[in-house]
Amino acid sequence: MGTPLLVRVGQAQFAPVFGDYAANVARFGELASQALDERCDLLVLPETSLSGYFLEGAVLDVARTGEEVLADLAESFAQRCPSGSPLDVLVGFYELFEGNVFNAALYATLGAIGGPRARHIHRKMFLPTYGVFDEQRFVARGRSLRAFTTRFGPMAILICEDVWHSVTATILALRGARFIHAISSSPARGFGTDPPWNVRKWIDLLQVIAEEHAVFVTHTARVGFENGKGFGGGSAALTPDGAVVTQGPTIEEALLCTTFDMRDLQVARVRQPLVTDLEAVAADLALELGDAARHVRSSAVAGEEVED
């Protein structure tokens, strides 16, 4: 069986229960049932959707291994979705792995013959330490960017600040991703405007990614409040020409459903073959990036020597 031409993606813009892993796993089951009612093929939940975000040192209380999360999601899914219809899911969580805690996202298939199957875990690479953020104190950073195989073609995941560095999407496009799914727990800035400033900034970033790399893009953002910090929502889905075809409300919970036509990707890449151009110069870019990294390292060492 070939890759389906139509892929229906559900994006659950919701407010996790702060620090309550079990409650959020149960909420996942409810959202999965709603997604199946909407005939979705894939359900995406926000960053750290099984715990909330600003836990700081308490991340150890909610962190689980990928195997534990897969088993818990499968159980919740089976309880709420007994029909036997398969559903792919992408869920943000705090992951225990090799003695570290990561801000991670699991992509898995549930309800299929043969049982639940994990397809990929992405670990957040860029950990903010500015403004209200102090993430690098409490979690380790991921060190790889991968596209992975699904029944809908190659996909990839970015978590929050990963998106704000253009090189990440470029690497994923070169690795063959047709979908890039971004998830975030991004506190709203500029509540005096509608939508808030960073919700509008997210759309700008997503449009550049989609159009430059001719990929489908989704951004699933959370809402609600934690310790006095409000999350803006405004989740979105974009086609490979950069068009925003679905956008969620600010502040409010919502399940957004978008049907993507894989033929749109082919049309976009013919009209503007930037990915082909990128592939042609990828080896040279890799050399330049290596030289730049060595320059950064040598500058840092020189700075250390001056300080000494």
Protein backbone atom coordinates (compact mmCIF):
# COMPACT_ATOMS: atom_id res chain seq x y z
CA MET A 1 0.00 0.00 0.00
CA GLY A 2 1.39 3.41 -0.99
CA THR A 3 1.42 6.64 0.95
CA PRO A 4 -2.08 8.16 1.26
CA LEU A 5 -2.70 11.28 -0.81
CA LEU A 6 -4.79 12.87 1.95
CA VAL A 7 -3.63 13.16 5.57
CA ARG A 8 -5.91 14.62 8.22
CA VAL A 9 -4.08 16.12 11.20
CA GLY A 10 -5.67 17.08 14.51
CA GLN A 11 -3.97 19.63 16.76
CA ALA A 12 -5.05 19.69 20.40
CA GLN A 13 -4.54 23.18 21.76
CA PHE A 14 -5.28 22.64 25.45
CA ALA A 15 -4.15 23.37 29.03
CA PRO A 16 -2.42 20.44 30.77
CA VAL A 17 -2.99 19.88 34.48
CA PHE A 18 0.17 21.21 36.10
CA GLY A 19 2.35 18.45 37.52
CA ASP A 20 -0.28 15.69 37.16
CA TYR A 21 0.97 13.06 34.71
CA ALA A 22 -1.97 10.67 35.24
CA ALA A 23 -4.59 13.36 34.67
CA ASN A 24 -2.92 14.45 31.45
CA VAL A 25 -2.66 10.87 30.15
CA ALA A 26 -6.40 10.53 30.80
CA ARG A 27 -7.02 13.81 28.95
CA PHE A 28 -5.00 12.43 26.04
CA GLY A 29 -7.52 9.57 25.76
CA GLU A 30 -10.39 12.05 25.54
CA LEU A 31 -8.62 14.07 22.86
CA ALA A 32 -7.76 10.93 20.90
CA SER A 33 -11.42 9.92 20.90
CA GLN A 34 -12.42 13.36 19.62
CA ALA A 35 -9.74 13.17 16.93
CA LEU A 36 -11.06 9.82 15.70
CA ASP A 37 -14.59 11.25 15.65
CA GLU A 38 -13.17 13.97 13.38
CA ARG A 39 -11.60 11.25 11.15
CA CYS A 40 -8.05 12.37 11.97
CA ASP A 41 -5.06 10.24 11.00
CA LEU A 42 -2.65 12.03 13.35
CA LEU A 43 -3.19 13.84 16.65
CA VAL A 44 -0.56 16.34 17.85
CA LEU A 45 -0.33 17.61 21.44
CA PRO A 46 1.83 20.54 22.64
CA GLU A 47 5.24 20.61 24.30
CA THR A 48 5.32 18.93 27.75
CA SER A 49 1.60 18.21 27.40
CA LEU A 50 1.73 15.33 29.92
CA SER A 51 2.93 17.52 32.79
CA GLY A 52 2.98 21.24 32.12
CA TYR A 53 6.16 23.18 31.40
CA PHE A 54 7.52 25.28 34.30
CA LEU A 55 8.28 22.44 36.73
CA GLU A 56 11.97 23.27 37.15
CA GLY A 57 13.46 20.79 39.67
CA ALA A 58 10.18 18.88 39.87
CA VAL A 59 10.67 17.49 36.34
CA LEU A 60 11.93 14.28 38.00
CA ASP A 61 8.47 13.76 39.52
CA VAL A 62 6.77 13.64 36.11
CA ALA A 63 9.52 12.33 33.83
CA ARG A 64 8.98 8.88 32.29
CA THR A 65 10.85 6.67 29.86
CA GLY A 66 9.62 6.55 26.28
CA GLU A 67 8.50 2.96 26.86
CA GLU A 68 6.41 3.97 29.88
CA VAL A 69 4.77 6.83 28.00
CA LEU A 70 3.96 4.60 25.03
CA ALA A 71 2.35 2.00 27.31
CA ASP A 72 0.34 4.62 29.24
CA LEU A 73 -0.88 6.34 26.07
CA ALA A 74 -1.85 2.98 24.56
CA GLU A 75 -3.85 2.07 27.66
CA SER A 76 -5.65 5.41 27.73
CA PHE A 77 -6.33 5.10 24.00
CA ALA A 78 -7.75 1.58 24.37
CA GLN A 79 -10.09 2.70 27.16
CA ARG A 80 -11.52 5.65 25.22
CA CYS A 81 -11.18 4.38 21.63
CA PRO A 82 -12.29 0.72 21.51
CA SER A 83 -13.23 0.80 17.82
CA GLY A 84 -9.86 -0.52 16.68
CA SER A 85 -9.17 2.40 14.34
CA PRO A 86 -5.45 3.26 14.28
CA LEU A 87 -4.27 6.75 15.15
CA ASP A 88 -0.79 8.23 14.97
CA VAL A 89 0.02 10.54 17.88
CA LEU A 90 2.71 13.09 18.69
CA VAL A 91 2.95 13.98 22.37
CA GLY A 92 5.35 16.25 24.29
CA PHE A 93 6.66 14.99 27.65
CA TYR A 94 9.64 15.01 30.01
CA GLU A 95 11.68 11.92 29.19
CA LEU A 96 14.00 9.81 31.35
CA PHE A 97 16.78 8.48 29.14
CA GLU A 98 20.24 7.20 30.02
CA GLY A 99 20.33 8.98 33.37
CA ASN A 100 19.16 12.34 32.06
CA VAL A 101 15.84 14.20 31.73
CA PHE A 102 14.98 15.60 28.31
CA ASN A 103 12.22 17.85 27.00
CA ALA A 104 11.05 15.37 24.36
CA ALA A 105 8.28 14.40 21.96
CA LEU A 106 7.14 10.88 21.12
CA TYR A 107 5.63 9.94 17.76
CA ALA A 108 3.78 6.63 17.86
CA THR A 109 1.04 4.60 16.18
CA LEU A 110 -1.77 3.36 18.46
CA GLY A 111 -4.65 0.98 17.80
CA ALA A 112 -3.03 -0.80 14.87
CA ILE A 113 -2.68 -4.55 14.36
CA GLY A 114 0.44 -5.69 16.16
CA GLY A 115 0.07 -3.27 19.06
CA PRO A 116 1.41 0.21 19.81
CA ARG A 117 4.60 1.19 18.05
CA ALA A 118 6.98 4.06 18.76
CA ARG A 119 8.29 5.66 15.57
CA HIS A 120 10.59 8.36 16.90
CA ILE A 121 11.55 10.46 19.94
CA HIS A 122 12.87 13.97 19.36
CA ARG A 123 14.77 15.64 22.19
CA LYS A 124 14.72 19.43 22.28
CA MET A 125 18.06 20.83 21.13
CA PHE A 126 17.80 24.54 22.00
CA LEU A 127 17.07 25.12 25.70
CA PRO A 128 16.25 28.78 26.50
CA THR A 129 17.89 30.46 29.49
CA TYR A 130 16.62 34.03 29.08
CA GLY A 131 13.60 36.01 30.26
CA VAL A 132 11.26 33.71 32.18
CA PHE A 133 13.14 30.61 30.98
CA ASP A 134 15.80 28.61 32.82
CA GLU A 135 15.38 25.31 31.04
CA GLN A 136 19.01 24.27 30.68
CA ARG A 137 19.40 24.07 34.47
CA PHE A 138 16.90 21.23 34.71
CA VAL A 139 17.02 19.19 31.50
CA ALA A 140 19.69 17.92 29.12
CA ARG A 141 19.68 19.00 25.50
CA GLY A 142 19.13 16.76 22.50
CA ARG A 143 21.93 16.37 19.97
CA SER A 144 20.30 15.14 16.77
CA LEU A 145 17.75 16.13 14.14
CA ARG A 146 16.12 13.31 12.22
CA ALA A 147 13.34 12.70 9.74
CA PHE A 148 11.55 9.43 10.43
CA THR A 149 9.30 7.07 8.51
CA THR A 150 5.52 7.04 9.03
CA ARG A 151 2.63 5.61 7.05
CA PHE A 152 2.13 9.13 5.69
CA GLY A 153 5.70 9.65 4.54
CA PRO A 154 8.80 11.16 6.22
CA MET A 155 8.08 13.50 9.13
CA ALA A 156 10.13 15.50 11.61
CA ILE A 157 9.61 17.25 14.94
CA LEU A 158 10.89 20.52 16.40
CA ILE A 159 10.19 21.73 19.94
CA CYS A 160 9.68 25.45 20.60
CA GLU A 161 13.03 27.29 20.34
CA ASP A 162 14.27 24.64 17.89
CA VAL A 163 12.02 26.41 15.37
CA TRP A 164 13.56 29.85 15.93
CA HIS A 165 16.90 28.73 14.45
CA SER A 166 16.51 28.39 10.69
CA VAL A 167 19.25 25.79 10.32
CA THR A 168 17.12 23.13 12.04
CA ALA A 169 14.39 23.14 9.40
CA THR A 170 17.03 23.19 6.66
CA ILE A 171 18.65 20.05 8.06
CA LEU A 172 15.29 18.29 8.31
CA ALA A 173 14.38 19.23 4.75
CA LEU A 174 17.69 17.81 3.55
CA ARG A 175 16.92 14.64 5.50
CA GLY A 176 13.74 14.25 3.45
CA ALA A 177 11.00 15.50 5.78
CA ARG A 178 7.68 16.23 4.08
CA PHE A 179 6.00 17.33 7.32
CA ILE A 180 7.63 19.37 10.07
CA HIS A 181 5.58 19.36 13.27
CA ALA A 182 6.44 22.10 15.76
CA ILE A 183 5.11 21.95 19.30
CA SER A 184 5.46 24.60 21.98
CA SER A 185 4.60 25.86 25.45
CA SER A 186 5.28 29.47 24.63
CA PRO A 187 4.19 32.10 27.20
CA ALA A 188 2.30 34.90 25.48
CA ARG A 189 4.11 38.20 25.13
CA GLY A 190 2.21 41.34 24.29
CA PHE A 191 -1.19 40.42 25.72
CA GLY A 192 -2.33 43.94 24.90
CA THR A 193 -2.55 43.02 21.20
CA ASP A 194 -4.75 40.46 19.51
CA PRO A 195 -3.16 38.13 18.75
CA PRO A 196 -0.23 38.53 21.18
CA TRP A 197 3.12 39.49 19.63
CA ASN A 198 4.71 36.04 19.82
CA VAL A 199 1.67 34.35 18.25
CA ARG A 200 2.14 36.60 15.21
CA LYS A 201 5.90 35.95 15.26
CA TRP A 202 5.27 32.20 15.19
CA ILE A 203 3.25 32.58 11.99
CA ASP A 204 6.12 34.51 10.39
CA LEU A 205 8.59 31.75 11.29
CA LEU A 206 6.32 28.96 10.11
CA GLN A 207 5.64 30.60 6.76
CA VAL A 208 9.35 30.92 6.04
CA ILE A 209 9.94 27.26 6.92
CA ALA A 210 7.05 26.01 4.79
CA GLU A 211 7.78 28.13 1.73
CA GLU A 212 11.58 27.88 1.71
CA HIS A 213 11.63 24.11 2.17
CA ALA A 214 8.32 23.20 0.48
CA VAL A 215 7.08 21.17 3.44
CA PHE A 216 3.80 20.90 5.30
CA VAL A 217 4.10 22.59 8.70
CA THR A 218 2.01 22.42 11.84
CA HIS A 219 2.52 24.32 15.07
CA THR A 220 0.60 23.05 18.09
CA ALA A 221 0.70 25.49 21.01
CA ARG A 222 -0.73 25.15 24.48
CA VAL A 223 -3.02 27.49 26.39
CA GLY A 224 -3.80 28.01 30.07
CA PHE A 225 -1.77 29.40 32.97
CA GLU A 226 1.13 28.22 35.12
CA ASN A 227 2.53 30.15 38.08
CA GLY A 228 1.17 33.42 36.72
CA LYS A 229 2.34 32.83 33.16
CA GLY A 230 -0.25 32.66 30.37
CA PHE A 231 0.12 30.68 27.16
CA GLY A 232 -1.22 32.20 23.96
CA GLY A 233 -2.32 29.32 21.74
CA GLY A 234 -2.81 30.34 18.13
CA SER A 235 -1.84 26.94 16.72
CA ALA A 236 -1.57 26.81 12.94
CA ALA A 237 -1.29 24.53 9.91
CA LEU A 238 0.43 25.58 6.68
CA THR A 239 0.81 24.22 3.17
CA PRO A 240 4.17 24.00 1.32
CA ASP A 241 3.60 27.37 -0.37
CA GLY A 242 3.47 29.08 3.04
CA ALA A 243 -0.31 29.54 3.15
CA VAL A 244 -1.92 29.39 6.61
CA VAL A 245 -4.93 27.11 6.10
CA THR A 246 -5.90 26.64 9.75
CA GLN A 247 -5.32 28.81 12.79
CA GLY A 248 -6.54 28.31 16.32
CA PRO A 249 -7.89 30.94 18.70
CA THR A 250 -5.76 32.67 21.28
CA ILE A 251 -6.18 31.72 24.94
CA GLU A 252 -9.00 29.18 24.36
CA GLU A 253 -8.78 25.40 24.05
CA ALA A 254 -9.55 23.94 20.63
CA LEU A 255 -9.12 20.82 18.51
CA LEU A 256 -8.07 21.94 15.04
CA CYS A 257 -8.43 19.52 12.12
CA THR A 258 -6.75 20.02 8.75
CA THR A 259 -6.72 17.78 5.69
CA PHE A 260 -3.44 17.98 3.78
CA ASP A 261 -3.19 16.92 0.13
CA MET A 262 0.24 15.42 -0.60
CA ARG A 263 -0.01 16.59 -4.21
CA ASP A 264 0.38 20.17 -2.96
CA LEU A 265 3.95 19.34 -2.00
CA GLN A 266 4.80 18.23 -5.53
CA VAL A 267 3.28 21.38 -7.02
CA ALA A 268 5.16 23.65 -4.60
CA ARG A 269 8.50 22.00 -5.32
CA VAL A 270 8.04 22.34 -9.06
CA ARG A 271 7.02 26.01 -8.84
CA GLN A 272 9.88 26.94 -6.51
CA PRO A 273 12.58 24.24 -6.42
CA LEU A 274 14.56 25.69 -3.53
CA VAL A 275 14.93 22.27 -1.92
CA THR A 276 16.57 20.96 -5.08
CA ASP A 277 18.97 23.91 -5.05
CA LEU A 278 19.68 23.26 -1.38
CA GLU A 279 20.48 19.61 -2.05
CA ALA A 280 22.92 20.62 -4.78
CA VAL A 281 25.03 22.74 -2.43
CA ALA A 282 24.52 20.75 0.79
CA ALA A 283 28.07 19.35 0.82
CA ASP A 284 29.58 22.83 0.50
CA LEU A 285 27.28 24.16 3.20
CA ALA A 286 28.38 21.33 5.50
CA LEU A 287 32.02 22.35 5.02
CA GLU A 288 31.19 25.98 5.73
CA LEU A 289 29.22 25.03 8.84
CA GLY A 290 32.14 22.94 10.07
CA ASP A 291 34.52 25.86 9.53
CA ALA A 292 32.14 28.18 11.35
CA ALA A 293 31.89 25.78 14.29
CA ARG A 294 35.68 25.58 14.52
CA HIS A 295 35.84 29.38 14.47
CA VAL A 296 33.35 29.57 17.35
CA ARG A 297 35.35 27.05 19.32
CA SER A 298 38.69 28.76 18.71
CA SER A 299 37.19 32.13 19.68
CA ALA A 300 35.86 30.65 22.91
CA VAL A 301 39.24 29.13 23.75
CA ALA A 302 40.97 32.43 23.00
CA GLY A 303 38.52 34.18 25.29
CA GLU A 304 39.28 31.72 28.07
CA GLU A 305 43.01 32.32 27.63
CA VAL A 306 42.53 36.09 27.85
CA GLU A 307 40.49 35.71 31.04
CA ASP A 308 43.20 33.55 32.59
